[in-house]
Amino acid sequence: MLGLKGKAADRMIAHVNRKLWWHCPPQDPRAYEERGKFYASSFQEAEFWGRPLDIPERVEVKNPLVGDEKTIMTRLRLPLPKESSLPLEQRFAIDRRMKSAALKLGYDSILLMSSRGFARYKSSRKIPRSLELNVLEP
């Protein structure tokens, strides 16, 4: 896990595994195989992608890659997207590359924080409320 060892890693994993996560099913049933299964930390955040399921889910992760987008892309040795609002096809292509690279490095999930939330987490170990989780092999 990026920069986390011992109690910090255990605490983050415990937080992710005990939390309820909201999921919006994709239109393409192959999406899970190609990009993983994406979760949001709240119903409202999941609504960005469409209609979330009525019942949140629990996950079990053991070795998440944790960080903001820049940190995660750097760790995966992938180029950072130049634009924040990409067409869906391009975003999906990036997600496929991220999944492949993360699995090769031994991660089972990617936990994304905002840049501000990640900076705060690094300095105080306070876990942000707003998180995105991609379970790579659901």
Protein backbone atom coordinates (compact mmCIF):
# COMPACT_ATOMS: atom_id res chain seq x y z
CA MET A 1 0.00 0.00 0.00
CA LEU A 2 1.43 3.33 -1.02
CA GLY A 3 3.34 4.83 1.88
CA LEU A 4 1.35 2.95 4.50
CA LYS A 5 2.76 0.32 6.77
CA GLY A 6 1.84 -1.30 10.02
CA LYS A 7 -0.97 0.31 11.98
CA ALA A 8 -1.71 2.98 9.34
CA ALA A 9 -2.24 0.31 6.68
CA ASP A 10 -4.30 -1.87 9.02
CA ARG A 11 -6.46 1.10 10.00
CA MET A 12 -7.12 2.07 6.36
CA ILE A 13 -7.97 -1.50 5.35
CA ALA A 14 -10.29 -1.89 8.36
CA HIS A 15 -12.02 1.39 7.46
CA VAL A 16 -12.59 0.34 3.86
CA ASN A 17 -13.81 -3.14 4.83
CA ARG A 18 -16.29 -1.98 7.48
CA LYS A 19 -17.71 0.90 5.42
CA LEU A 20 -20.85 0.66 3.32
CA TRP A 21 -20.16 1.45 -0.33
CA TRP A 22 -22.56 2.61 -3.03
CA HIS A 23 -22.39 1.13 -6.50
CA CYS A 24 -23.98 2.14 -9.77
CA PRO A 25 -24.12 -0.87 -12.14
CA PRO A 26 -22.57 -0.18 -15.56
CA GLN A 27 -24.50 -0.57 -18.79
CA ASP A 28 -21.87 -2.93 -20.20
CA PRO A 29 -21.78 -6.25 -18.29
CA ARG A 30 -18.12 -6.74 -19.30
CA ALA A 31 -17.11 -3.56 -17.46
CA TYR A 32 -16.24 -5.44 -14.27
CA GLU A 33 -13.79 -7.70 -16.15
CA GLU A 34 -12.26 -4.78 -18.02
CA ARG A 35 -12.07 -2.04 -15.37
CA GLY A 36 -13.10 -3.47 -11.99
CA LYS A 37 -16.05 -2.54 -9.83
CA PHE A 38 -16.32 1.09 -8.77
CA TYR A 39 -17.83 2.29 -5.52
CA ALA A 40 -18.54 5.70 -4.02
CA SER A 41 -18.57 6.58 -0.34
CA SER A 42 -22.07 8.11 -0.53
CA PHE A 43 -25.27 7.66 -2.50
CA GLN A 44 -25.02 11.23 -3.80
CA GLU A 45 -21.49 10.68 -5.13
CA ALA A 46 -22.55 7.44 -6.84
CA GLU A 47 -25.40 9.28 -8.59
CA PHE A 48 -22.81 10.98 -10.79
CA TRP A 49 -22.62 7.71 -12.77
CA GLY A 50 -26.37 6.99 -12.84
CA ARG A 51 -28.85 5.35 -10.49
CA PRO A 52 -27.05 3.60 -7.61
CA LEU A 53 -28.35 0.37 -6.14
CA ASP A 54 -30.80 0.86 -3.26
CA ILE A 55 -28.70 -1.17 -0.85
CA PRO A 56 -25.03 -0.34 -0.22
CA GLU A 57 -22.46 -3.11 -0.34
CA ARG A 58 -19.53 -4.20 1.76
CA VAL A 59 -16.16 -5.05 0.26
CA GLU A 60 -13.08 -6.91 1.37
CA VAL A 61 -9.73 -5.50 0.35
CA LYS A 62 -6.31 -6.59 1.53
CA ASN A 63 -3.81 -4.46 -0.36
CA PRO A 64 -5.25 -1.19 -1.71
CA LEU A 65 -3.27 1.41 -3.61
CA VAL A 66 -4.12 4.64 -1.77
CA GLY A 67 -3.70 8.22 -2.94
CA ASP A 68 -4.89 11.07 -5.08
CA GLU A 69 -4.98 10.75 -8.86
CA LYS A 70 -1.47 12.12 -9.38
CA THR A 71 0.06 9.83 -6.75
CA ILE A 72 -1.75 6.76 -8.05
CA MET A 73 -0.86 7.40 -11.69
CA THR A 74 2.79 8.01 -10.71
CA ARG A 75 2.94 4.76 -8.72
CA LEU A 76 1.40 2.86 -11.65
CA ARG A 77 3.85 4.57 -14.04
CA LEU A 78 1.01 5.87 -16.19
CA PRO A 79 0.70 9.37 -17.66
CA LEU A 80 -1.63 11.74 -15.81
CA PRO A 81 -4.62 12.73 -17.96
CA LYS A 82 -4.26 16.28 -19.25
CA GLU A 83 -7.96 17.08 -18.80
CA SER A 84 -10.14 16.38 -15.81
CA SER A 85 -13.29 15.94 -17.92
CA LEU A 86 -12.50 13.33 -20.54
CA PRO A 87 -15.01 11.60 -22.82
CA LEU A 88 -16.20 8.33 -21.22
CA GLU A 89 -14.40 6.15 -23.77
CA GLN A 90 -11.06 7.75 -22.89
CA ARG A 91 -11.78 7.53 -19.14
CA PHE A 92 -12.65 3.83 -19.53
CA ALA A 93 -9.38 3.23 -21.44
CA ILE A 94 -7.42 4.86 -18.60
CA ASP A 95 -9.33 2.73 -16.06
CA ARG A 96 -8.40 -0.43 -17.99
CA ARG A 97 -4.71 0.52 -17.97
CA MET A 98 -4.88 1.39 -14.26
CA LYS A 99 -6.45 -1.98 -13.42
CA SER A 100 -3.84 -3.88 -15.39
CA ALA A 101 -0.90 -1.97 -13.91
CA ALA A 102 -2.21 -2.21 -10.33
CA LEU A 103 -2.77 -5.97 -10.57
CA LYS A 104 0.78 -6.44 -11.90
CA LEU A 105 2.09 -4.59 -8.84
CA GLY A 106 0.06 -6.80 -6.48
CA TYR A 107 -2.75 -4.40 -5.51
CA ASP A 108 -6.31 -5.68 -5.21
CA SER A 109 -7.99 -2.28 -5.25
CA ILE A 110 -7.45 1.43 -5.77
CA LEU A 111 -8.66 3.91 -3.15
CA LEU A 112 -8.87 7.41 -4.58
CA MET A 113 -8.94 10.58 -2.49
CA SER A 114 -9.07 14.19 -3.63
CA SER A 115 -5.71 15.97 -3.69
CA ARG A 116 -6.75 18.03 -0.69
CA GLY A 117 -8.07 14.99 1.20
CA PHE A 118 -4.91 13.00 0.49
CA ALA A 119 -2.67 15.86 1.66
CA ARG A 120 -4.66 16.04 4.88
CA TYR A 121 -4.51 12.27 5.27
CA LYS A 122 -0.73 12.24 4.84
CA SER A 123 -0.25 14.95 7.45
CA SER A 124 -2.78 13.87 10.09
CA ARG A 125 -3.87 10.32 9.09
CA LYS A 126 -7.48 11.54 9.14
CA ILE A 127 -9.38 9.51 6.54
CA PRO A 128 -11.50 11.74 4.27
CA ARG A 129 -15.25 11.19 4.08
CA SER A 130 -15.31 11.35 0.30
CA LEU A 131 -13.62 8.34 -1.27
CA GLU A 132 -13.81 6.36 -4.48
CA LEU A 133 -12.93 2.69 -4.49
CA ASN A 134 -12.18 0.44 -7.43
CA VAL A 135 -12.13 -3.24 -6.50
CA LEU A 136 -10.05 -4.69 -9.31
CA GLU A 137 -11.32 -8.26 -9.19
CA PRO A 138 -14.80 -8.20 -7.61
